[in-house]
Structure formats: structure tokens, C-alpha cells
Amino acid sequence: MSRITIEQLGVELKRKRGERGLRETAKEIGISTATLSRIESGKQPDLDTFSKLCKWLGVDAGELLGCSLEISQEMGVVAPNQAQPTINQSQKAAPLLSGSVYAHFRADKELSAETAQHLSALILAVQEFLISEGQVMGGETDRNLPA
């Protein structure tokens, strides 16, 4: 499954739920019936709910968000059947994760989804530049990191 919109997530949930009731499915996922209903209607889930939905759907949250498997694993939202990636020291030391940066911007109801996405991309681009230059936030370098 590739990157999808919130509306498409709702459609996918309805498809997998099939003829089963909202209560039964919500209980299986670990969320309230009202929350499942709102998400199926196109409302954006919070990060914890999104993680539960991805695990129930058996999909990698990073793939749905358009970010890497490493980031998904760091966020704790990799589907159980996904392979475990290798994470280098720069990635371990990096304090910003694309999903969490975007989630923080999306929490601000004054920002559009597009603005949140652009701001997230800007911050992550700066972080990637610092990592590529051998620097990590806080002035540390890769050579100072434990092996």
C-alpha cells in the first residue's frame, strides 16, 4: 500500500471491517467505537490511534505516511510482519523523526496540512544536512558517538 489520504484510510478500514460491527472492530483494534466511526468518516486519528490502526491493518505506518521504515520503527508503528531495518548511529542520534515533526505541526489547527508538510520537510532537510556534514543537533559529530 502506498501513501494514502485520511479519507482513503477510512475507506480501507471500512473495507477490512466488512460486515462486522463498529463495536466489535473497535474493540479488536483497541479504540472506542466513536473514534473508529470518526476515522471512517475521514477525521484524522491521533498518533497512538494511527499506530493501532496500522497494526490492525497489517501495514507499515511509514509507508502510509510516505516516510522510511527506519522512522516507522523509531515511532513504534511498524506492522508486526515487517523486517527490522539497520539503523546507523546518525539516525539513532537524530532527535527529529519525520512522523513526529509532521504530527506536531498538524496538531496546530491554524496550519493547513500542506503548510505542516512543508514546515516538516524544511526542518528535516536541515537535520539531514547536519547529519551529512557529520554534525548532529547539539554540536556532536558521528565520531563522538559510541560505536
Protein backbone atom coordinates (compact mmCIF):
# COMPACT_ATOMS: atom_id res chain seq x y z
CA MET A 1 0.00 0.00 0.00
CA SER A 2 1.42 3.43 -0.85
CA ARG A 3 0.93 6.81 0.77
CA ILE A 4 -2.78 7.39 1.32
CA THR A 5 -5.01 10.23 2.44
CA ILE A 6 -7.00 10.19 5.66
CA GLU A 7 -10.15 9.63 3.61
CA GLN A 8 -8.56 6.60 1.93
CA LEU A 9 -7.58 5.28 5.36
CA GLY A 10 -11.24 5.42 6.37
CA VAL A 11 -12.25 3.57 3.21
CA GLU A 12 -9.60 0.90 3.83
CA LEU A 13 -10.82 0.45 7.42
CA LYS A 14 -14.41 0.02 6.23
CA ARG A 15 -13.27 -2.45 3.57
CA LYS A 16 -11.36 -4.62 6.04
CA ARG A 17 -14.12 -4.38 8.66
CA GLY A 18 -16.59 -5.68 6.08
CA GLU A 19 -19.87 -6.80 7.62
CA ARG A 20 -18.59 -6.75 11.18
CA GLY A 21 -19.98 -4.12 13.51
CA LEU A 22 -18.19 -0.98 14.65
CA ARG A 23 -18.15 -2.11 18.30
CA GLU A 24 -16.57 -5.47 17.57
CA THR A 25 -13.95 -3.97 15.27
CA ALA A 26 -13.15 -1.04 17.57
CA LYS A 27 -12.67 -3.43 20.50
CA GLU A 28 -10.35 -5.61 18.40
CA ILE A 29 -8.28 -2.56 17.39
CA GLY A 30 -8.24 -1.15 20.92
CA ILE A 31 -10.06 2.13 20.26
CA SER A 32 -13.53 3.45 21.01
CA THR A 33 -16.47 2.91 18.67
CA ALA A 34 -16.84 6.69 18.29
CA THR A 35 -13.18 7.04 17.30
CA LEU A 36 -13.46 4.32 14.66
CA SER A 37 -16.61 5.92 13.28
CA ARG A 38 -14.94 9.35 13.07
CA ILE A 39 -11.90 7.93 11.27
CA GLU A 40 -14.06 6.00 8.82
CA SER A 41 -15.79 9.34 8.15
CA GLY A 42 -12.48 10.97 7.22
CA LYS A 43 -11.31 12.50 10.51
CA GLN A 44 -7.59 12.41 11.31
CA PRO A 45 -6.56 9.98 14.08
CA ASP A 46 -4.02 10.86 16.74
CA LEU A 47 -0.63 9.14 16.56
CA ASP A 48 -1.48 6.41 19.08
CA THR A 49 -4.72 5.55 17.28
CA PHE A 50 -2.95 5.67 13.91
CA SER A 51 -0.39 3.18 15.23
CA LYS A 52 -3.14 0.81 16.38
CA LEU A 53 -4.95 1.11 13.04
CA CYS A 54 -1.79 0.32 11.08
CA LYS A 55 -1.07 -2.73 13.21
CA TRP A 56 -4.66 -3.92 12.78
CA LEU A 57 -4.47 -3.36 9.02
CA GLY A 58 -1.06 -5.09 8.95
CA VAL A 59 0.63 -2.21 7.15
CA ASP A 60 3.73 -0.14 7.77
CA ALA A 61 2.73 3.31 9.05
CA GLY A 62 5.78 4.86 7.41
CA GLU A 63 4.67 3.62 4.03
CA LEU A 64 1.26 5.20 4.56
CA LEU A 65 2.89 8.45 5.68
CA GLY A 66 5.49 8.39 2.92
CA CYS A 67 8.48 8.05 5.27
CA SER A 68 11.12 5.38 5.70
CA LEU A 69 10.83 2.08 7.54
CA GLU A 70 13.50 3.23 10.00
CA ILE A 71 11.36 6.19 11.03
CA SER A 72 8.31 3.97 11.38
CA GLN A 73 10.23 1.63 13.66
CA GLU A 74 11.51 4.52 15.78
CA MET A 75 7.89 5.70 16.16
CA GLY A 76 6.84 2.18 17.15
CA VAL A 77 4.31 1.84 14.36
CA VAL A 78 5.81 -0.89 12.17
CA ALA A 79 3.43 -3.73 11.42
CA PRO A 80 4.48 -6.95 13.19
CA ASN A 81 5.33 -8.74 9.93
CA GLN A 82 7.75 -6.05 8.71
CA ALA A 83 11.50 -6.68 8.53
CA GLN A 84 13.69 -4.96 11.10
CA PRO A 85 15.93 -2.37 9.42
CA THR A 86 19.50 -1.48 10.27
CA ILE A 87 19.76 1.99 11.78
CA ASN A 88 23.09 3.79 11.68
CA GLN A 89 24.47 5.92 14.53
CA SER A 90 23.42 9.20 12.90
CA GLN A 91 19.84 8.01 12.70
CA LYS A 92 19.91 6.83 16.32
CA ALA A 93 21.23 10.19 17.49
CA ALA A 94 18.87 12.26 15.36
CA PRO A 95 16.29 13.81 17.67
CA LEU A 96 13.71 14.58 14.99
CA LEU A 97 11.56 11.98 13.28
CA SER A 98 9.52 12.93 10.22
CA GLY A 99 6.28 11.47 11.52
CA SER A 100 6.56 13.24 14.86
CA VAL A 101 7.56 16.56 13.28
CA TYR A 102 4.58 16.43 10.96
CA ALA A 103 2.26 15.33 13.79
CA HIS A 104 3.30 18.32 15.90
CA PHE A 105 2.58 20.74 13.08
CA ARG A 106 -0.73 19.05 12.28
CA ALA A 107 -1.78 19.44 15.92
CA ASP A 108 -1.91 23.19 15.26
CA LYS A 109 -5.40 23.66 13.82
CA GLU A 110 -4.31 27.03 12.38
CA LEU A 111 -1.94 25.32 9.92
CA SER A 112 -3.13 23.62 6.78
CA ALA A 113 -1.94 20.08 6.03
CA GLU A 114 0.14 21.48 3.16
CA THR A 115 1.86 24.06 5.40
CA ALA A 116 2.54 21.42 8.05
CA GLN A 117 4.07 19.18 5.40
CA HIS A 118 6.30 21.97 4.05
CA LEU A 119 7.48 23.03 7.51
CA SER A 120 8.23 19.41 8.41
CA ALA A 121 10.19 18.95 5.18
CA LEU A 122 12.20 22.11 5.88
CA ILE A 123 13.15 21.05 9.40
CA LEU A 124 14.04 17.53 8.28
CA ALA A 125 16.12 18.86 5.36
CA VAL A 126 18.19 20.94 7.79
CA GLN A 127 18.60 17.93 10.05
CA GLU A 128 19.69 15.74 7.11
CA PHE A 129 22.21 18.39 6.07
CA LEU A 130 23.69 18.49 9.57
CA ILE A 131 23.90 14.71 9.67
CA SER A 132 25.52 14.58 6.22
CA GLU A 133 28.10 17.11 7.43
CA GLY A 134 28.91 14.86 10.38
CA GLN A 135 27.05 17.00 12.86
CA VAL A 136 24.06 16.06 14.96
CA MET A 137 21.85 18.52 16.80
CA GLY A 138 23.68 19.79 19.87
CA GLY A 139 27.05 20.01 18.10
CA GLU A 140 28.03 16.34 18.41
CA THR A 141 29.62 14.54 15.50
CA ASP A 142 29.46 10.94 14.35
CA ARG A 143 33.00 10.27 15.54
CA ASN A 144 31.96 11.22 19.10
CA LEU A 145 29.08 8.77 19.13
CA PRO A 146 29.52 5.37 20.78
CA ALA A 147 30.01 2.50 18.37
